[in-house]
């Protein structure tokens, strides 16, 4: 299992934008992203100073990435 870096919600959003996710809307402290190309996934990223390890791992999994693929986007 690869080590996860400590990232803010904005840094996670920036990495996901590189693979085709775009801002959909924000509700309070949660940013919702959607994928423009199929399979049109939606992801919710907390807009916190530091995203929890388990939450980050779940976001990576929902995006269809491995930890190493995600780290390459940073």
C-alpha atoms as a PDB file:
ATOM      1  CA  UNK A   1       0.000   0.000   0.000  1.00  0.00           C
ATOM      2  CA  UNK A   2       1.433   3.329  -1.062  1.00  0.00           C
ATOM      3  CA  UNK A   3       1.850   6.205   1.326  1.00  0.00           C
ATOM      4  CA  UNK A   4      -0.722   8.978   0.900  1.00  0.00           C
ATOM      5  CA  UNK A   5       0.460  12.590   0.978  1.00  0.00           C
ATOM      6  CA  UNK A   6      -1.240  15.197   3.162  1.00  0.00           C
ATOM      7  CA  UNK A   7      -3.342  17.342   0.846  1.00  0.00           C
ATOM      8  CA  UNK A   8      -5.937  20.057   1.134  1.00  0.00           C
ATOM      9  CA  UNK A   9      -9.281  19.734  -0.616  1.00  0.00           C
ATOM     10  CA  UNK A  10      -8.213  22.337  -3.205  1.00  0.00           C
ATOM     11  CA  UNK A  11      -5.072  20.325  -4.035  1.00  0.00           C
ATOM     12  CA  UNK A  12      -7.175  17.182  -4.543  1.00  0.00           C
ATOM     13  CA  UNK A  13      -9.525  19.109  -6.857  1.00  0.00           C
ATOM     14  CA  UNK A  14      -6.535  20.405  -8.838  1.00  0.00           C
ATOM     15  CA  UNK A  15      -5.217  16.880  -9.373  1.00  0.00           C
ATOM     16  CA  UNK A  16      -8.627  15.556 -10.424  1.00  0.00           C
ATOM     17  CA  UNK A  17      -9.065  18.386 -12.941  1.00  0.00           C
ATOM     18  CA  UNK A  18      -6.048  17.021 -14.811  1.00  0.00           C
ATOM     19  CA  UNK A  19      -7.995  13.852 -15.663  1.00  0.00           C
ATOM     20  CA  UNK A  20     -11.199  15.486 -16.833  1.00  0.00           C
ATOM     21  CA  UNK A  21     -13.176  16.373 -13.712  1.00  0.00           C
ATOM     22  CA  UNK A  22     -14.818  19.801 -13.713  1.00  0.00           C
ATOM     23  CA  UNK A  23     -16.392  21.872 -10.960  1.00  0.00           C
ATOM     24  CA  UNK A  24     -20.140  21.199 -10.757  1.00  0.00           C
ATOM     25  CA  UNK A  25     -21.158  23.032  -7.589  1.00  0.00           C
ATOM     26  CA  UNK A  26     -20.233  23.643  -3.970  1.00  0.00           C
ATOM     27  CA  UNK A  27     -22.485  23.217  -0.985  1.00  0.00           C
ATOM     28  CA  UNK A  28     -21.031  24.537   2.249  1.00  0.00           C
ATOM     29  CA  UNK A  29     -17.585  22.965   2.635  1.00  0.00           C
ATOM     30  CA  UNK A  30     -17.988  20.227   0.000  1.00  0.00           C
ATOM     31  CA  UNK A  31     -16.976  20.617  -3.634  1.00  0.00           C
ATOM     32  CA  UNK A  32     -18.814  18.425  -6.145  1.00  0.00           C
ATOM     33  CA  UNK A  33     -16.936  17.511  -9.308  1.00  0.00           C
ATOM     34  CA  UNK A  34     -18.273  15.704 -12.356  1.00  0.00           C
ATOM     35  CA  UNK A  35     -16.540  13.913 -15.171  1.00  0.00           C
ATOM     36  CA  UNK A  36     -17.299  15.276 -18.648  1.00  0.00           C
ATOM     37  CA  UNK A  37     -16.537  12.021 -20.504  1.00  0.00           C
ATOM     38  CA  UNK A  38     -18.161   8.630 -19.840  1.00  0.00           C
ATOM     39  CA  UNK A  39     -18.625   7.097 -17.262  1.00  0.00           C
ATOM     40  CA  UNK A  40     -19.697  10.580 -15.960  1.00  0.00           C
ATOM     41  CA  UNK A  41     -18.693   9.974 -12.348  1.00  0.00           C
ATOM     42  CA  UNK A  42     -19.442  12.514  -9.617  1.00  0.00           C
ATOM     43  CA  UNK A  43     -17.107  13.042  -6.695  1.00  0.00           C
ATOM     44  CA  UNK A  44     -17.507  15.026  -3.513  1.00  0.00           C
ATOM     45  CA  UNK A  45     -14.330  16.515  -2.073  1.00  0.00           C
ATOM     46  CA  UNK A  46     -14.318  18.190   1.352  1.00  0.00           C
ATOM     47  CA  UNK A  47     -12.878  21.709   1.155  1.00  0.00           C
ATOM     48  CA  UNK A  48     -10.741  21.285   4.262  1.00  0.00           C
ATOM     49  CA  UNK A  49      -7.162  22.275   5.043  1.00  0.00           C
ATOM     50  CA  UNK A  50      -6.273  18.576   5.240  1.00  0.00           C
ATOM     51  CA  UNK A  51      -8.359  15.730   3.805  1.00  0.00           C
ATOM     52  CA  UNK A  52      -8.416  12.656   6.064  1.00  0.00           C
ATOM     53  CA  UNK A  53      -6.450   9.618   4.852  1.00  0.00           C
ATOM     54  CA  UNK A  54      -9.470   7.351   4.566  1.00  0.00           C
ATOM     55  CA  UNK A  55     -11.490  10.022   2.776  1.00  0.00           C
ATOM     56  CA  UNK A  56      -8.681  10.651   0.308  1.00  0.00           C
ATOM     57  CA  UNK A  57      -8.298   6.929  -0.370  1.00  0.00           C
ATOM     58  CA  UNK A  58     -12.071   6.656  -0.996  1.00  0.00           C
ATOM     59  CA  UNK A  59     -11.991   9.614  -3.422  1.00  0.00           C
ATOM     60  CA  UNK A  60      -9.097   8.026  -5.319  1.00  0.00           C
ATOM     61  CA  UNK A  61     -10.949   4.709  -5.528  1.00  0.00           C
ATOM     62  CA  UNK A  62     -14.185   6.389  -6.695  1.00  0.00           C
ATOM     63  CA  UNK A  63     -12.223   8.219  -9.407  1.00  0.00           C
ATOM     64  CA  UNK A  64     -11.045   4.847 -10.719  1.00  0.00           C
ATOM     65  CA  UNK A  65      -7.391   5.492  -9.935  1.00  0.00           C
ATOM     66  CA  UNK A  66      -4.682   3.767  -7.974  1.00  0.00           C
ATOM     67  CA  UNK A  67      -2.758   5.687  -5.334  1.00  0.00           C
ATOM     68  CA  UNK A  68       0.332   5.743  -7.558  1.00  0.00           C
ATOM     69  CA  UNK A  69      -1.670   7.109 -10.524  1.00  0.00           C
ATOM     70  CA  UNK A  70      -3.114   9.820  -8.274  1.00  0.00           C
ATOM     71  CA  UNK A  71       0.297  10.763  -6.899  1.00  0.00           C
ATOM     72  CA  UNK A  72       1.571  11.168 -10.481  1.00  0.00           C
ATOM     73  CA  UNK A  73      -1.111  13.847 -11.015  1.00  0.00           C
ATOM     74  CA  UNK A  74       0.211  16.017  -8.170  1.00  0.00           C
END
